[in-house]
Every structure is written in structure tokens, then in C-alpha cells.
Full PDB file with SEQRES, HELIX, SHEET, SSBOND, CRYST1, ORIGX, SCALE, CONECT and MASTER records, all heavy atoms in Angstrom:
SEQRES   1 A   34  TYR GLY SER ARG ILE THR ASP SER ALA LEU ALA LYS THR          
SEQRES   2 A   34  ARG SER VAL GLN THR PHE ILE ALA ARG ALA THR PRO GLU          
SEQRES   3 A   34  LEU ILE LEU ARG GLY MET GLU PHE                              
HELIX    1 AA1 ASP A    7  MET A   32  1                                  26    
CRYST1    1.000    1.000    1.000  90.00  90.00  90.00 P 1           1          
ORIGX1      1.000000  0.000000  0.000000        0.00000                         
ORIGX2      0.000000  1.000000  0.000000        0.00000                         
ORIGX3      0.000000  0.000000  1.000000        0.00000                         
SCALE1      1.000000  0.000000  0.000000        0.00000                         
SCALE2      0.000000  1.000000  0.000000        0.00000                         
SCALE3      0.000000  0.000000  1.000000        0.00000                         
ATOM      1  N   TYR A   1      81.709  95.156 118.014  1.00  0.00           N  
ATOM      2  CA  TYR A   1      82.336  94.685 116.776  1.00  0.00           C  
ATOM      3  C   TYR A   1      81.382  93.956 115.838  1.00  0.00           C  
ATOM      4  O   TYR A   1      81.765  93.582 114.732  1.00  0.00           O  
ATOM      5  CB  TYR A   1      83.531  93.788 117.118  1.00  0.00           C  
ATOM      6  CG  TYR A   1      84.557  94.502 117.958  1.00  0.00           C  
ATOM      7  CD1 TYR A   1      84.634  94.282 119.335  1.00  0.00           C  
ATOM      8  CD2 TYR A   1      85.432  95.422 117.393  1.00  0.00           C  
ATOM      9  CE1 TYR A   1      85.567  94.957 120.114  1.00  0.00           C  
ATOM     10  CE2 TYR A   1      86.356  96.093 118.164  1.00  0.00           C  
ATOM     11  CZ  TYR A   1      86.422  95.861 119.531  1.00  0.00           C  
ATOM     12  OH  TYR A   1      87.338  96.537 120.298  1.00  0.00           O  
ATOM     13  N   GLY A   2      80.154  93.748 116.269  1.00  0.00           N  
ATOM     14  CA  GLY A   2      79.183  93.098 115.406  1.00  0.00           C  
ATOM     15  C   GLY A   2      79.085  91.600 115.623  1.00  0.00           C  
ATOM     16  O   GLY A   2      79.838  91.004 116.388  1.00  0.00           O  
ATOM     17  N   SER A   3      78.178  90.983 114.926  1.00  0.00           N  
ATOM     18  CA  SER A   3      77.892  89.559 115.071  1.00  0.00           C  
ATOM     19  C   SER A   3      79.101  88.703 114.714  1.00  0.00           C  
ATOM     20  O   SER A   3      79.877  89.034 113.815  1.00  0.00           O  
ATOM     21  CB  SER A   3      76.718  89.175 114.169  1.00  0.00           C  
ATOM     22  OG  SER A   3      76.557  87.783 114.100  1.00  0.00           O  
ATOM     23  N   ARG A   4      79.216  87.573 115.387  1.00  0.00           N  
ATOM     24  CA  ARG A   4      80.323  86.654 115.104  1.00  0.00           C  
ATOM     25  C   ARG A   4      79.999  85.678 113.982  1.00  0.00           C  
ATOM     26  O   ARG A   4      80.838  84.827 113.642  1.00  0.00           O  
ATOM     27  CB  ARG A   4      80.729  85.885 116.365  1.00  0.00           C  
ATOM     28  CG  ARG A   4      79.699  84.898 116.864  1.00  0.00           C  
ATOM     29  CD  ARG A   4      80.189  84.070 118.025  1.00  0.00           C  
ATOM     30  NE  ARG A   4      80.436  84.845 119.225  1.00  0.00           N  
ATOM     31  CZ  ARG A   4      80.656  84.328 120.424  1.00  0.00           C  
ATOM     32  NH1 ARG A   4      80.663  83.009 120.571  1.00  0.00           N  
ATOM     33  NH2 ARG A   4      80.868  85.086 121.479  1.00  0.00           N  
ATOM     34  N   ILE A   5      78.791  85.760 113.402  1.00  0.00           N  
ATOM     35  CA  ILE A   5      78.435  84.786 112.367  1.00  0.00           C  
ATOM     36  C   ILE A   5      78.331  85.443 110.987  1.00  0.00           C  
ATOM     37  O   ILE A   5      77.634  84.954 110.110  1.00  0.00           O  
ATOM     38  CB  ILE A   5      77.132  84.048 112.710  1.00  0.00           C  
ATOM     39  CG1 ILE A   5      75.954  85.026 112.843  1.00  0.00           C  
ATOM     40  CG2 ILE A   5      77.289  83.233 113.975  1.00  0.00           C  
ATOM     41  CD1 ILE A   5      74.611  84.324 112.983  1.00  0.00           C  
ATOM     42  N   THR A   6      79.060  86.533 110.791  1.00  0.00           N  
ATOM     43  CA  THR A   6      79.094  87.205 109.485  1.00  0.00           C  
ATOM     44  C   THR A   6      80.306  86.740 108.682  1.00  0.00           C  
ATOM     45  O   THR A   6      81.243  86.137 109.220  1.00  0.00           O  
ATOM     46  CB  THR A   6      79.171  88.721 109.671  1.00  0.00           C  
ATOM     47  OG1 THR A   6      80.394  89.031 110.359  1.00  0.00           O  
ATOM     48  CG2 THR A   6      77.990  89.236 110.478  1.00  0.00           C  
ATOM     49  N   ASP A   7      80.315  87.071 107.397  1.00  0.00           N  
ATOM     50  CA  ASP A   7      81.478  86.770 106.560  1.00  0.00           C  
ATOM     51  C   ASP A   7      82.729  87.460 107.103  1.00  0.00           C  
ATOM     52  O   ASP A   7      83.831  86.900 107.073  1.00  0.00           O  
ATOM     53  CB  ASP A   7      81.234  87.226 105.119  1.00  0.00           C  
ATOM     54  CG  ASP A   7      80.260  86.323 104.385  1.00  0.00           C  
ATOM     55  OD1 ASP A   7      79.874  85.283 104.946  1.00  0.00           O  
ATOM     56  OD2 ASP A   7      79.887  86.663 103.250  1.00  0.00           O  
ATOM     57  N   SER A   8      82.571  88.692 107.590  1.00  0.00           N  
ATOM     58  CA  SER A   8      83.725  89.441 108.104  1.00  0.00           C  
ATOM     59  C   SER A   8      84.328  88.768 109.322  1.00  0.00           C  
ATOM     60  O   SER A   8      85.554  88.640 109.457  1.00  0.00           O  
ATOM     61  CB  SER A   8      83.311  90.874 108.454  1.00  0.00           C  
ATOM     62  OG  SER A   8      82.909  91.574 107.297  1.00  0.00           O  
ATOM     63  N   ALA A   9      83.469  88.323 110.259  1.00  0.00           N  
ATOM     64  CA  ALA A   9      83.956  87.663 111.467  1.00  0.00           C  
ATOM     65  C   ALA A   9      84.628  86.338 111.124  1.00  0.00           C  
ATOM     66  O   ALA A   9      85.689  85.995 111.670  1.00  0.00           O  
ATOM     67  CB  ALA A   9      82.814  87.448 112.450  1.00  0.00           C  
ATOM     68  N   LEU A  10      84.018  85.585 110.203  1.00  0.00           N  
ATOM     69  CA  LEU A  10      84.619  84.319 109.792  1.00  0.00           C  
ATOM     70  C   LEU A  10      85.952  84.541 109.086  1.00  0.00           C  
ATOM     71  O   LEU A  10      86.899  83.780 109.274  1.00  0.00           O  
ATOM     72  CB  LEU A  10      83.660  83.566 108.882  1.00  0.00           C  
ATOM     73  CG  LEU A  10      82.621  82.710 109.618  1.00  0.00           C  
ATOM     74  CD1 LEU A  10      81.415  82.444 108.756  1.00  0.00           C  
ATOM     75  CD2 LEU A  10      83.257  81.397 110.066  1.00  0.00           C  
ATOM     76  N   ALA A  11      86.032  85.597 108.291  1.00  0.00           N  
ATOM     77  CA  ALA A  11      87.284  85.889 107.601  1.00  0.00           C  
ATOM     78  C   ALA A  11      88.405  86.183 108.592  1.00  0.00           C  
ATOM     79  O   ALA A  11      89.539  85.719 108.422  1.00  0.00           O  
ATOM     80  CB  ALA A  11      87.092  87.079 106.661  1.00  0.00           C  
ATOM     81  N   LYS A  12      88.082  86.937 109.631  1.00  0.00           N  
ATOM     82  CA  LYS A  12      89.126  87.254 110.609  1.00  0.00           C  
ATOM     83  C   LYS A  12      89.537  86.012 111.395  1.00  0.00           C  
ATOM     84  O   LYS A  12      90.729  85.764 111.605  1.00  0.00           O  
ATOM     85  CB  LYS A  12      88.669  88.347 111.566  1.00  0.00           C  
ATOM     86  CG  LYS A  12      89.685  88.585 112.682  1.00  0.00           C  
ATOM     87  CD  LYS A  12      89.810  90.003 113.122  1.00  0.00           C  
ATOM     88  CE  LYS A  12      91.012  90.164 114.048  1.00  0.00           C  
ATOM     89  NZ  LYS A  12      91.183  91.534 114.541  1.00  0.00           N  
ATOM     90  N   THR A  13      88.559  85.221 111.847  1.00  0.00           N  
ATOM     91  CA  THR A  13      88.912  84.026 112.615  1.00  0.00           C  
ATOM     92  C   THR A  13      89.741  83.070 111.768  1.00  0.00           C  
ATOM     93  O   THR A  13      90.705  82.472 112.253  1.00  0.00           O  
ATOM     94  CB  THR A  13      87.658  83.293 113.132  1.00  0.00           C  
ATOM     95  OG1 THR A  13      86.793  82.981 112.042  1.00  0.00           O  
ATOM     96  CG2 THR A  13      86.914  84.142 114.150  1.00  0.00           C  
ATOM     97  N   ARG A  14      89.370  82.925 110.495  1.00  0.00           N  
ATOM     98  CA  ARG A  14      90.140  82.043 109.608  1.00  0.00           C  
ATOM     99  C   ARG A  14      91.556  82.572 109.375  1.00  0.00           C  
ATOM    100  O   ARG A  14      92.515  81.802 109.352  1.00  0.00           O  
ATOM    101  CB  ARG A  14      89.432  81.905 108.262  1.00  0.00           C  
ATOM    102  CG  ARG A  14      88.317  80.891 108.234  1.00  0.00           C  
ATOM    103  CD  ARG A  14      88.850  79.480 108.276  1.00  0.00           C  
ATOM    104  NE  ARG A  14      87.764  78.502 108.224  1.00  0.00           N  
ATOM    105  CZ  ARG A  14      87.920  77.226 108.533  1.00  0.00           C  
ATOM    106  NH1 ARG A  14      89.093  76.764 108.932  1.00  0.00           N  
ATOM    107  NH2 ARG A  14      86.919  76.390 108.468  1.00  0.00           N  
ATOM    108  N   SER A  15      91.699  83.876 109.213  1.00  0.00           N  
ATOM    109  CA  SER A  15      93.025  84.428 108.938  1.00  0.00           C  
ATOM    110  C   SER A  15      93.952  84.262 110.138  1.00  0.00           C  
ATOM    111  O   SER A  15      95.130  83.912 109.986  1.00  0.00           O  
ATOM    112  CB  SER A  15      92.925  85.899 108.542  1.00  0.00           C  
ATOM    113  OG  SER A  15      92.419  86.690 109.598  1.00  0.00           O  
ATOM    114  N   VAL A  16      93.429  84.491 111.340  1.00  0.00           N  
ATOM    115  CA  VAL A  16      94.246  84.318 112.546  1.00  0.00           C  
ATOM    116  C   VAL A  16      94.625  82.848 112.713  1.00  0.00           C  
ATOM    117  O   VAL A  16      95.796  82.510 112.942  1.00  0.00           O  
ATOM    118  CB  VAL A  16      93.485  84.833 113.783  1.00  0.00           C  
ATOM    119  CG1 VAL A  16      94.211  84.440 115.072  1.00  0.00           C  
ATOM    120  CG2 VAL A  16      93.316  86.345 113.724  1.00  0.00           C  
ATOM    121  N   GLN A  17      93.631  81.970 112.576  1.00  0.00           N  
ATOM    122  CA  GLN A  17      93.892  80.542 112.766  1.00  0.00           C  
ATOM    123  C   GLN A  17      94.861  80.003 111.723  1.00  0.00           C  
ATOM    124  O   GLN A  17      95.769  79.228 112.029  1.00  0.00           O  
ATOM    125  CB  GLN A  17      92.564  79.768 112.714  1.00  0.00           C  
ATOM    126  CG  GLN A  17      92.701  78.277 113.001  1.00  0.00           C  
ATOM    127  CD  GLN A  17      92.679  77.431 111.759  1.00  0.00           C  
ATOM    128  OE1 GLN A  17      92.334  77.906 110.672  1.00  0.00           O  
ATOM    129  NE2 GLN A  17      93.063  76.178 111.891  1.00  0.00           N  
ATOM    130  N   THR A  18      94.697  80.421 110.465  1.00  0.00           N  
ATOM    131  CA  THR A  18      95.565  79.927 109.404  1.00  0.00           C  
ATOM    132  C   THR A  18      97.011  80.375 109.608  1.00  0.00           C  
ATOM    133  O   THR A  18      97.950  79.581 109.452  1.00  0.00           O  
ATOM    134  CB  THR A  18      95.063  80.416 108.031  1.00  0.00           C  
ATOM    135  OG1 THR A  18      93.751  79.891 107.802  1.00  0.00           O  
ATOM    136  CG2 THR A  18      95.988  79.960 106.916  1.00  0.00           C  
ATOM    137  N   PHE A  19      97.206  81.628 109.983  1.00  0.00           N  
ATOM    138  CA  PHE A  19      98.562  82.134 110.207  1.00  0.00           C  
ATOM    139  C   PHE A  19      99.264  81.344 111.309  1.00  0.00           C  
ATOM    140  O   PHE A  19     100.398  80.872 111.137  1.00  0.00           O  
ATOM    141  CB  PHE A  19      98.519  83.615 110.596  1.00  0.00           C  
ATOM    142  CG  PHE A  19      99.810  84.117 111.186  1.00  0.00           C  
ATOM    143  CD1 PHE A  19     100.926  84.338 110.387  1.00  0.00           C  
ATOM    144  CD2 PHE A  19      99.925  84.349 112.552  1.00  0.00           C  
ATOM    145  CE1 PHE A  19     102.120  84.783 110.930  1.00  0.00           C  
ATOM    146  CE2 PHE A  19     101.119  84.790 113.102  1.00  0.00           C  
ATOM    147  CZ  PHE A  19     102.217  85.011 112.293  1.00  0.00           C  
ATOM    148  N   ILE A  20      98.589  81.169 112.438  1.00  0.00           N  
ATOM    149  CA  ILE A  20      99.232  80.508 113.582  1.00  0.00           C  
ATOM    150  C   ILE A  20      99.394  79.010 113.322  1.00  0.00           C  
ATOM    151  O   ILE A  20     100.428  78.419 113.652  1.00  0.00           O  
ATOM    152  CB  ILE A  20      98.429  80.749 114.870  1.00  0.00           C  
ATOM    153  CG1 ILE A  20      98.222  82.245 115.104  1.00  0.00           C  
ATOM    154  CG2 ILE A  20      99.148  80.152 116.077  1.00  0.00           C  
ATOM    155  CD1 ILE A  20      97.292  82.561 116.263  1.00  0.00           C  
ATOM    156  N   ALA A  21      98.369  78.388 112.721  1.00  0.00           N  
ATOM    157  CA  ALA A  21      98.437  76.944 112.481  1.00  0.00           C  
ATOM    158  C   ALA A  21      99.491  76.580 111.447  1.00  0.00           C  
ATOM    159  O   ALA A  21     100.049  75.478 111.475  1.00  0.00           O  
ATOM    160  CB  ALA A  21      97.068  76.427 112.039  1.00  0.00           C  
ATOM    161  N   ARG A  22      99.787  77.477 110.519  1.00  0.00           N  
ATOM    162  CA  ARG A  22     100.874  77.236 109.564  1.00  0.00           C  
ATOM    163  C   ARG A  22     102.241  77.411 110.227  1.00  0.00           C  
ATOM    164  O   ARG A  22     103.158  76.615 110.022  1.00  0.00           O  
ATOM    165  CB  ARG A  22     100.779  78.212 108.396  1.00  0.00           C  
ATOM    166  CG  ARG A  22      99.810  77.839 107.305  1.00  0.00           C  
ATOM    167  CD  ARG A  22      99.991  78.783 106.125  1.00  0.00           C  
ATOM    168  NE  ARG A  22      98.995  78.558 105.100  1.00  0.00           N  
ATOM    169  CZ  ARG A  22      99.068  77.599 104.187  1.00  0.00           C  
ATOM    170  NH1 ARG A  22     100.086  76.765 104.194  1.00  0.00           N  
ATOM    171  NH2 ARG A  22      98.123  77.476 103.271  1.00  0.00           N  
ATOM    172  N   ALA A  23     102.383  78.471 111.000  1.00  0.00           N  
ATOM    173  CA  ALA A  23     103.682  78.796 111.591  1.00  0.00           C  
ATOM    174  C   ALA A  23     104.113  77.771 112.633  1.00  0.00           C  
ATOM    175  O   ALA A  23     105.306  77.466 112.755  1.00  0.00           O  
ATOM    176  CB  ALA A  23     103.620  80.188 112.223  1.00  0.00           C  
ATOM    177  N   THR A  24     103.143  77.223 113.381  1.00  0.00           N  
ATOM    178  CA  THR A  24     103.482  76.337 114.505  1.00  0.00           C  
ATOM    179  C   THR A  24     104.274  75.104 114.087  1.00  0.00           C  
ATOM    180  O   THR A  24     105.373  74.868 114.608  1.00  0.00           O  
ATOM    181  CB  THR A  24     102.207  75.958 115.275  1.00  0.00           C  
ATOM    182  OG1 THR A  24     101.621  77.140 115.841  1.00  0.00           O  
ATOM    183  CG2 THR A  24     102.511  74.970 116.390  1.00  0.00           C  
ATOM    184  N   PRO A  25     103.792  74.261 113.173  1.00  0.00           N  
ATOM    185  CA  PRO A  25     104.578  73.075 112.811  1.00  0.00           C  
ATOM    186  C   PRO A  25     105.886  73.413 112.099  1.00  0.00           C  
ATOM    187  O   PRO A  25     106.881  72.706 112.257  1.00  0.00           O  
ATOM    188  CB  PRO A  25     103.631  72.277 111.900  1.00  0.00           C  
ATOM    189  CG  PRO A  25     102.664  73.278 111.380  1.00  0.00           C  
ATOM    190  CD  PRO A  25     102.502  74.293 112.465  1.00  0.00           C  
ATOM    191  N   GLU A  26     105.895  74.481 111.327  1.00  0.00           N  
ATOM    192  CA  GLU A  26     107.119  74.865 110.623  1.00  0.00           C  
ATOM    193  C   GLU A  26     108.218  75.249 111.605  1.00  0.00           C  
ATOM    194  O   GLU A  26     109.380  74.844 111.453  1.00  0.00           O  
ATOM    195  CB  GLU A  26     106.817  76.019 109.667  1.00  0.00           C  
ATOM    196  CG  GLU A  26     105.922  75.631 108.500  1.00  0.00           C  
ATOM    197  CD  GLU A  26     105.448  76.822 107.688  1.00  0.00           C  
ATOM    198  OE1 GLU A  26     105.850  77.960 108.035  1.00  0.00           O  
ATOM    199  OE2 GLU A  26     104.694  76.625 106.719  1.00  0.00           O  
ATOM    200  N   LEU A  27     107.880  76.025 112.607  1.00  0.00           N  
ATOM    201  CA  LEU A  27     108.876  76.445 113.604  1.00  0.00           C  
ATOM    202  C   LEU A  27     109.332  75.277 114.470  1.00  0.00           C  
ATOM    203  O   LEU A  27     110.520  75.150 114.779  1.00  0.00           O  
ATOM    204  CB  LEU A  27     108.297  77.558 114.477  1.00  0.00           C  
ATOM    205  CG  LEU A  27     108.174  78.926 113.799  1.00  0.00           C  
ATOM    206  CD1 LEU A  27     107.318  79.861 114.647  1.00  0.00           C  
ATOM    207  CD2 LEU A  27     109.553  79.538 113.565  1.00  0.00           C  
ATOM    208  N   ILE A  28     108.383  74.433 114.869  1.00  0.00           N  
ATOM    209  CA  ILE A  28     108.759  73.295 115.714  1.00  0.00           C  
ATOM    210  C   ILE A  28     109.683  72.347 114.957  1.00  0.00           C  
ATOM    211  O   ILE A  28     110.662  71.832 115.515  1.00  0.00           O  
ATOM    212  CB  ILE A  28     107.498  72.573 116.225  1.00  0.00           C  
ATOM    213  CG1 ILE A  28     106.731  73.485 117.192  1.00  0.00           C  
ATOM    214  CG2 ILE A  28     107.864  71.262 116.921  1.00  0.00           C  
ATOM    215  CD1 ILE A  28     105.416  72.923 117.674  1.00  0.00           C  
ATOM    216  N   LEU A  29     109.416  72.122 113.682  1.00  0.00           N  
ATOM    217  CA  LEU A  29     110.293  71.262 112.876  1.00  0.00           C  
ATOM    218  C   LEU A  29     111.689  71.864 112.772  1.00  0.00           C  
ATOM    219  O   LEU A  29     112.693  71.155 112.942  1.00  0.00           O  
ATOM    220  CB  LEU A  29     109.687  71.065 111.484  1.00  0.00           C  
ATOM    221  CG  LEU A  29     110.558  70.296 110.483  1.00  0.00           C  
ATOM    222  CD1 LEU A  29     110.870  68.898 111.005  1.00  0.00           C  
ATOM    223  CD2 LEU A  29     109.856  70.221 109.124  1.00  0.00           C  
ATOM    224  N   ARG A  30     111.777  73.146 112.510  1.00  0.00           N  
ATOM    225  CA  ARG A  30     113.093  73.790 112.418  1.00  0.00           C  
ATOM    226  C   ARG A  30     113.819  73.736 113.757  1.00  0.00           C  
ATOM    227  O   ARG A  30     115.044  73.578 113.819  1.00  0.00           O  
ATOM    228  CB  ARG A  30     112.930  75.239 111.957  1.00  0.00           C  
ATOM    229  CG  ARG A  30     112.573  75.383 110.484  1.00  0.00           C  
ATOM    230  CD  ARG A  30     112.203  76.807 110.146  1.00  0.00           C  
ATOM    231  NE  ARG A  30     113.284  77.737 110.500  1.00  0.00           N  
ATOM    232  CZ  ARG A  30     113.118  79.052 110.633  1.00  0.00           C  
ATOM    233  NH1 ARG A  30     111.910  79.595 110.452  1.00  0.00           N  
ATOM    234  NH2 ARG A  30     114.136  79.822 110.934  1.00  0.00           N  
ATOM    235  N   GLY A  31     113.067  73.859 114.838  1.00  0.00           N  
ATOM    236  CA  GLY A  31     113.686  73.824 116.166  1.00  0.00           C  
ATOM    237  C   GLY A  31     114.337  72.496 116.484  1.00  0.00           C  
ATOM    238  O   GLY A  31     115.314  72.444 117.235  1.00  0.00           O  
ATOM    239  N   MET A  32     113.802  71.429 115.887  1.00  0.00           N  
ATOM    240  CA  MET A  32     114.377  70.114 116.148  1.00  0.00           C  
ATOM    241  C   MET A  32     115.820  70.022 115.647  1.00  0.00           C  
ATOM    242  O   MET A  32     116.622  69.250 116.173  1.00  0.00           O  
ATOM    243  CB  MET A  32     113.513  69.025 115.511  1.00  0.00           C  
ATOM    244  CG  MET A  32     113.896  67.615 115.946  1.00  0.00           C  
ATOM    245  SD  MET A  32     112.782  66.336 115.331  1.00  0.00           S  
ATOM    246  CE  MET A  32     111.345  66.588 116.372  1.00  0.00           C  
ATOM    247  N   GLU A  33     116.167  70.818 114.641  1.00  0.00           N  
ATOM    248  CA  GLU A  33     117.538  70.805 114.136  1.00  0.00           C  
ATOM    249  C   GLU A  33     118.544  71.170 115.226  1.00  0.00           C  
ATOM    250  O   GLU A  33     119.689  70.694 115.219  1.00  0.00           O  
ATOM    251  CB  GLU A  33     117.656  71.791 112.978  1.00  0.00           C  
ATOM    252  CG  GLU A  33     116.801  71.462 111.773  1.00  0.00           C  
ATOM    253  CD  GLU A  33     116.906  72.532 110.699  1.00  0.00           C  
ATOM    254  OE1 GLU A  33     117.855  73.348 110.740  1.00  0.00           O  
ATOM    255  OE2 GLU A  33     116.037  72.552 109.806  1.00  0.00           O  
ATOM    256  N   PHE A  34     118.139  72.020 116.160  1.00  0.00           N  
ATOM    257  CA  PHE A  34     119.055  72.474 117.207  1.00  0.00           C  
ATOM    258  C   PHE A  34     119.185  71.451 118.340  1.00  0.00           C  
ATOM    259  O   PHE A  34     120.067  71.573 119.190  1.00  0.00           O  
ATOM    260  CB  PHE A  34     118.587  73.822 117.773  1.00  0.00           C  
ATOM    261  CG  PHE A  34     118.606  74.920 116.750  1.00  0.00           C  
ATOM    262  CD1 PHE A  34     117.471  75.223 116.013  1.00  0.00           C  
ATOM    263  CD2 PHE A  34     119.763  75.638 116.488  1.00  0.00           C  
ATOM    264  CE1 PHE A  34     117.481  76.225 115.055  1.00  0.00           C  
ATOM    265  CE2 PHE A  34     119.789  76.643 115.530  1.00  0.00           C  
ATOM    266  CZ  PHE A  34     118.647  76.938 114.804  1.00  0.00           C  
TER     267      PHE A  34                                                      
MASTER        0    0    0    1    0    0    0    6  266    1    0    3          
END                                                                             
């Protein structure tokens, strides 16, 4: 898949991390309602 220190690799790691890190607190907060 190529080097992990390229713009492409950083873009993918950031996109995965951003998606999960945003969803986690939002879901946990909503879960507290139940």
C-alpha cells in the first residue's frame, strides 16, 4: 500500500480517526437519554 508518511496515508488515517472520534461522543451522549 505504500509508505505511511505520505499525504495519502495521512489523509486516510485522519478520515478514519475523525469519523470515529466524532461519532463516539455523540452516540454515548444520546445513549444516556435511555
